[in-house]
């Protein structure tokens, strides 16, 4: 999981321009994913609120099906399933897009 977070941090760094601001159309999910995973691990209902606020930032990276399945798990308070789904979806997405370094 650390490697996955590092992947998104590198991606976020690539999205930043020389002035330090994000380029239009780019999003950085790493800022909240760590907190989201921690809330899921704790079974904290705040994970639902955080997902609703931030899920659009991973919308370009996850399939519609994955996003819907995660949302459904959260709606049913199945935090362990939501955690597995987000981890699986992000790992799959990361493996599909090879690094260009």
N, C-alpha and C. Protein backbone atom coordinates (compact mmCIF):
# COMPACT_ATOMS: atom_id res chain seq x y z
N UNK A 1 0.82 -1.18 0.00
CA UNK A 1 0.00 0.00 0.00
C UNK A 1 0.87 1.25 0.00
N UNK A 2 1.99 1.20 0.66
CA UNK A 2 2.90 2.35 0.66
C UNK A 2 3.35 2.66 -0.76
N UNK A 3 3.63 1.60 -1.53
CA UNK A 3 4.05 1.80 -2.92
C UNK A 3 2.95 2.46 -3.73
N UNK A 4 1.70 2.10 -3.47
CA UNK A 4 0.58 2.70 -4.18
C UNK A 4 0.45 4.18 -3.83
N UNK A 5 0.59 4.51 -2.56
CA UNK A 5 0.54 5.92 -2.15
C UNK A 5 1.69 6.70 -2.78
N UNK A 6 2.87 6.08 -2.83
CA UNK A 6 4.02 6.74 -3.45
C UNK A 6 3.76 7.00 -4.93
N UNK A 7 3.10 6.05 -5.59
CA UNK A 7 2.75 6.23 -7.00
C UNK A 7 1.90 7.48 -7.19
N UNK A 8 0.87 7.64 -6.34
CA UNK A 8 -0.01 8.79 -6.47
C UNK A 8 0.70 10.08 -6.07
N UNK A 9 1.63 10.01 -5.11
CA UNK A 9 2.38 11.21 -4.75
C UNK A 9 3.25 11.64 -5.92
N UNK A 10 3.91 10.70 -6.59
CA UNK A 10 4.72 11.04 -7.76
C UNK A 10 3.83 11.62 -8.86
N UNK A 11 2.66 11.03 -9.05
CA UNK A 11 1.73 11.52 -10.06
C UNK A 11 1.31 12.94 -9.73
N UNK A 12 1.05 13.20 -8.45
CA UNK A 12 0.66 14.54 -8.02
C UNK A 12 1.81 15.52 -8.26
N UNK A 13 3.03 15.13 -7.94
CA UNK A 13 4.19 15.98 -8.17
C UNK A 13 4.30 16.32 -9.65
N UNK A 14 4.03 15.35 -10.52
CA UNK A 14 4.08 15.59 -11.96
C UNK A 14 2.99 16.56 -12.41
N UNK A 15 1.86 16.58 -11.67
CA UNK A 15 0.75 17.45 -12.02
C UNK A 15 0.98 18.90 -11.60
N UNK A 16 1.96 19.14 -10.78
CA UNK A 16 2.22 20.49 -10.29
C UNK A 16 3.08 21.24 -11.30
N UNK A 17 2.74 22.49 -11.55
CA UNK A 17 3.58 23.28 -12.44
C UNK A 17 4.71 23.95 -11.65
N UNK A 18 5.54 24.68 -12.31
CA UNK A 18 6.71 25.29 -11.67
C UNK A 18 6.31 26.23 -10.54
N UNK A 19 5.16 26.84 -10.61
CA UNK A 19 4.72 27.76 -9.57
C UNK A 19 4.13 27.07 -8.36
N UNK A 20 3.98 25.77 -8.41
CA UNK A 20 3.46 25.02 -7.27
C UNK A 20 1.96 24.85 -7.25
N UNK A 21 1.28 25.30 -8.26
CA UNK A 21 -0.17 25.11 -8.30
C UNK A 21 -0.51 23.99 -9.25
N UNK A 22 -1.66 23.37 -9.00
CA UNK A 22 -2.06 22.25 -9.85
C UNK A 22 -2.50 22.75 -11.22
N UNK A 23 -2.15 21.98 -12.23
CA UNK A 23 -2.58 22.32 -13.57
C UNK A 23 -4.06 22.01 -13.69
N UNK A 24 -4.75 22.74 -14.53
CA UNK A 24 -6.18 22.55 -14.72
C UNK A 24 -6.49 21.12 -15.14
N UNK A 25 -7.55 20.54 -14.54
CA UNK A 25 -7.99 19.21 -14.93
C UNK A 25 -7.29 18.08 -14.19
N UNK A 26 -6.31 18.38 -13.36
CA UNK A 26 -5.61 17.33 -12.64
C UNK A 26 -6.10 17.32 -11.20
N UNK A 27 -6.11 16.15 -10.57
CA UNK A 27 -6.51 16.05 -9.18
C UNK A 27 -5.51 15.20 -8.43
N UNK A 28 -5.48 15.35 -7.13
CA UNK A 28 -4.51 14.64 -6.30
C UNK A 28 -5.23 13.90 -5.19
N UNK A 29 -5.55 12.61 -5.40
CA UNK A 29 -6.28 11.87 -4.39
C UNK A 29 -5.47 11.53 -3.16
N UNK A 30 -4.17 11.61 -3.21
CA UNK A 30 -3.36 11.20 -2.07
C UNK A 30 -3.59 12.04 -0.84
N UNK A 31 -4.03 13.25 -1.01
CA UNK A 31 -4.22 14.12 0.13
C UNK A 31 -5.26 13.56 1.12
N UNK A 32 -6.20 12.81 0.64
CA UNK A 32 -7.26 12.31 1.53
C UNK A 32 -7.34 10.79 1.61
N UNK A 33 -6.68 10.07 0.72
CA UNK A 33 -6.80 8.61 0.72
C UNK A 33 -6.28 7.98 2.01
N UNK A 34 -5.21 8.51 2.56
CA UNK A 34 -4.68 7.96 3.81
C UNK A 34 -5.69 8.07 4.93
N UNK A 35 -6.29 9.24 5.04
CA UNK A 35 -7.32 9.45 6.06
C UNK A 35 -8.53 8.54 5.80
N UNK A 36 -8.92 8.44 4.54
CA UNK A 36 -10.06 7.60 4.16
C UNK A 36 -9.82 6.15 4.57
N UNK A 37 -8.64 5.64 4.26
CA UNK A 37 -8.31 4.25 4.61
C UNK A 37 -8.32 4.06 6.12
N UNK A 38 -7.78 5.04 6.85
CA UNK A 38 -7.75 4.94 8.32
C UNK A 38 -9.18 4.91 8.88
N UNK A 39 -10.05 5.75 8.35
CA UNK A 39 -11.44 5.76 8.79
C UNK A 39 -12.12 4.43 8.49
N UNK A 40 -11.84 3.87 7.32
CA UNK A 40 -12.42 2.57 6.97
C UNK A 40 -11.93 1.49 7.93
N UNK A 41 -10.64 1.50 8.22
CA UNK A 41 -10.07 0.51 9.14
C UNK A 41 -10.71 0.60 10.52
N UNK A 42 -11.06 1.81 10.93
CA UNK A 42 -11.67 2.03 12.24
C UNK A 42 -13.19 1.80 12.22
N UNK A 43 -13.74 1.63 11.03
CA UNK A 43 -15.19 1.50 10.91
C UNK A 43 -15.91 2.79 11.24
N UNK A 44 -15.27 3.90 10.97
CA UNK A 44 -15.79 5.22 11.30
C UNK A 44 -16.73 5.71 10.20
N UNK A 45 -17.93 6.12 10.57
CA UNK A 45 -18.91 6.57 9.59
C UNK A 45 -18.47 7.84 8.86
N UNK A 46 -17.48 8.55 9.40
CA UNK A 46 -16.97 9.72 8.70
C UNK A 46 -16.34 9.35 7.36
N UNK A 47 -16.01 8.07 7.18
CA UNK A 47 -15.48 7.61 5.89
C UNK A 47 -16.50 7.85 4.79
N UNK A 48 -17.77 7.67 5.12
CA UNK A 48 -18.83 7.89 4.13
C UNK A 48 -18.86 9.35 3.69
N UNK A 49 -18.77 10.26 4.65
CA UNK A 49 -18.80 11.68 4.34
C UNK A 49 -17.58 12.09 3.51
N UNK A 50 -16.41 11.57 3.90
CA UNK A 50 -15.19 11.90 3.18
C UNK A 50 -15.27 11.38 1.74
N UNK A 51 -15.79 10.18 1.55
CA UNK A 51 -15.94 9.61 0.21
C UNK A 51 -16.85 10.50 -0.63
N UNK A 52 -17.97 10.93 -0.06
CA UNK A 52 -18.91 11.76 -0.80
C UNK A 52 -18.26 13.08 -1.21
N UNK A 53 -17.42 13.64 -0.36
CA UNK A 53 -16.77 14.91 -0.66
C UNK A 53 -15.67 14.76 -1.70
N UNK A 54 -14.94 13.65 -1.67
CA UNK A 54 -13.70 13.55 -2.43
C UNK A 54 -13.68 12.52 -3.56
N UNK A 55 -14.72 11.74 -3.70
CA UNK A 55 -14.66 10.64 -4.67
C UNK A 55 -14.45 11.12 -6.10
N UNK A 56 -14.85 12.32 -6.40
CA UNK A 56 -14.65 12.82 -7.77
C UNK A 56 -13.16 12.93 -8.11
N UNK A 57 -12.30 13.06 -7.09
CA UNK A 57 -10.87 13.18 -7.37
C UNK A 57 -10.25 11.86 -7.82
N UNK A 58 -10.94 10.75 -7.59
CA UNK A 58 -10.45 9.47 -8.11
C UNK A 58 -11.31 8.99 -9.26
N UNK A 59 -12.30 9.76 -9.61
CA UNK A 59 -13.22 9.38 -10.68
C UNK A 59 -12.54 9.11 -12.01
N UNK A 60 -11.48 9.85 -12.30
CA UNK A 60 -10.76 9.64 -13.55
C UNK A 60 -9.88 8.40 -13.48
N UNK A 61 -9.56 7.95 -12.27
CA UNK A 61 -8.64 6.85 -12.08
C UNK A 61 -9.35 5.50 -11.89
N UNK A 62 -10.62 5.55 -11.47
CA UNK A 62 -11.38 4.33 -11.20
C UNK A 62 -12.51 4.19 -12.21
N UNK A 63 -12.87 2.96 -12.48
CA UNK A 63 -14.01 2.73 -13.36
C UNK A 63 -15.30 3.15 -12.65
N UNK A 64 -16.32 3.40 -13.43
CA UNK A 64 -17.62 3.74 -12.86
C UNK A 64 -18.10 2.60 -11.97
N UNK A 65 -17.89 1.38 -12.44
CA UNK A 65 -18.30 0.20 -11.67
C UNK A 65 -17.61 0.16 -10.31
N UNK A 66 -16.31 0.40 -10.28
CA UNK A 66 -15.57 0.39 -9.01
C UNK A 66 -16.09 1.48 -8.08
N UNK A 67 -16.31 2.66 -8.62
CA UNK A 67 -16.81 3.77 -7.81
C UNK A 67 -18.18 3.44 -7.24
N UNK A 68 -19.04 2.84 -8.05
CA UNK A 68 -20.38 2.48 -7.58
C UNK A 68 -20.32 1.39 -6.51
N UNK A 69 -19.44 0.41 -6.69
CA UNK A 69 -19.32 -0.68 -5.72
C UNK A 69 -18.81 -0.16 -4.38
N UNK A 70 -17.86 0.76 -4.41
CA UNK A 70 -17.35 1.35 -3.18
C UNK A 70 -18.45 2.15 -2.50
N UNK A 71 -19.17 2.94 -3.28
CA UNK A 71 -20.28 3.73 -2.73
C UNK A 71 -21.33 2.82 -2.10
N UNK A 72 -21.66 1.74 -2.77
CA UNK A 72 -22.67 0.81 -2.25
C UNK A 72 -22.21 0.17 -0.95
N UNK A 73 -20.94 -0.22 -0.88
CA UNK A 73 -20.41 -0.81 0.35
C UNK A 73 -20.49 0.20 1.50
N UNK A 74 -20.15 1.44 1.22
CA UNK A 74 -20.22 2.47 2.26
C UNK A 74 -21.66 2.73 2.69
N UNK A 75 -22.59 2.75 1.74
CA UNK A 75 -23.99 2.94 2.08
C UNK A 75 -24.50 1.85 3.01
N UNK A 76 -23.94 0.64 2.86
CA UNK A 76 -24.34 -0.51 3.68
C UNK A 76 -23.46 -0.68 4.92
N UNK A 77 -22.62 0.31 5.20
CA UNK A 77 -21.70 0.29 6.34
C UNK A 77 -20.76 -0.91 6.30
N UNK A 78 -20.42 -1.36 5.11
CA UNK A 78 -19.49 -2.49 4.92
C UNK A 78 -18.10 -1.91 4.66
N UNK A 79 -17.50 -1.35 5.73
CA UNK A 79 -16.25 -0.63 5.60
C UNK A 79 -15.09 -1.53 5.20
N UNK A 80 -15.09 -2.77 5.67
CA UNK A 80 -14.02 -3.70 5.29
C UNK A 80 -14.08 -4.01 3.78
N UNK A 81 -15.29 -4.14 3.26
CA UNK A 81 -15.45 -4.38 1.83
C UNK A 81 -15.04 -3.15 1.04
N UNK A 82 -15.45 -1.97 1.51
CA UNK A 82 -15.07 -0.73 0.82
C UNK A 82 -13.56 -0.57 0.78
N UNK A 83 -12.89 -0.90 1.87
CA UNK A 83 -11.43 -0.79 1.92
C UNK A 83 -10.79 -1.73 0.91
N UNK A 84 -11.26 -2.96 0.86
CA UNK A 84 -10.72 -3.93 -0.10
C UNK A 84 -10.98 -3.47 -1.53
N UNK A 85 -12.18 -2.94 -1.79
CA UNK A 85 -12.53 -2.49 -3.13
C UNK A 85 -11.66 -1.31 -3.57
N UNK A 86 -11.45 -0.34 -2.69
CA UNK A 86 -10.63 0.81 -3.08
C UNK A 86 -9.20 0.39 -3.31
N UNK A 87 -8.68 -0.47 -2.43
CA UNK A 87 -7.30 -0.95 -2.60
C UNK A 87 -7.15 -1.73 -3.90
N UNK A 88 -8.09 -2.63 -4.16
CA UNK A 88 -8.03 -3.43 -5.39
C UNK A 88 -8.15 -2.56 -6.63
N UNK A 89 -9.08 -1.62 -6.61
CA UNK A 89 -9.31 -0.77 -7.78
C UNK A 89 -8.10 0.11 -8.06
N UNK A 90 -7.51 0.69 -7.01
CA UNK A 90 -6.35 1.55 -7.22
C UNK A 90 -5.13 0.75 -7.64
N UNK A 91 -4.98 -0.44 -7.08
CA UNK A 91 -3.85 -1.30 -7.47
C UNK A 91 -3.98 -1.73 -8.92
N UNK A 92 -5.20 -2.07 -9.33
CA UNK A 92 -5.44 -2.46 -10.72
C UNK A 92 -5.16 -1.29 -11.65
N UNK A 93 -5.65 -0.12 -11.27
CA UNK A 93 -5.45 1.07 -12.09
C UNK A 93 -3.97 1.41 -12.19
N UNK A 94 -3.23 1.29 -11.09
CA UNK A 94 -1.81 1.61 -11.10
C UNK A 94 -1.03 0.64 -11.98
N UNK A 95 -1.45 -0.62 -12.00
CA UNK A 95 -0.74 -1.61 -12.81
C UNK A 95 -1.07 -1.47 -14.29
N UNK A 96 -2.21 -0.88 -14.60
CA UNK A 96 -2.60 -0.69 -16.00
C UNK A 96 -1.86 0.48 -16.62
N UNK A 97 -1.55 1.49 -15.83
CA UNK A 97 -0.85 2.67 -16.33
C UNK A 97 0.60 2.61 -15.90
N UNK A 98 1.47 2.09 -16.79
CA UNK A 98 2.88 2.01 -16.42
C UNK A 98 3.48 3.41 -16.30
N UNK A 99 4.46 3.51 -15.42
CA UNK A 99 5.14 4.78 -15.22
C UNK A 99 5.90 5.17 -16.46
N UNK A 100 5.96 6.45 -16.71
CA UNK A 100 6.64 6.95 -17.90
C UNK A 100 7.97 7.58 -17.53
N UNK A 101 8.66 7.03 -16.59
CA UNK A 101 9.94 7.58 -16.13
C UNK A 101 11.08 6.80 -16.68
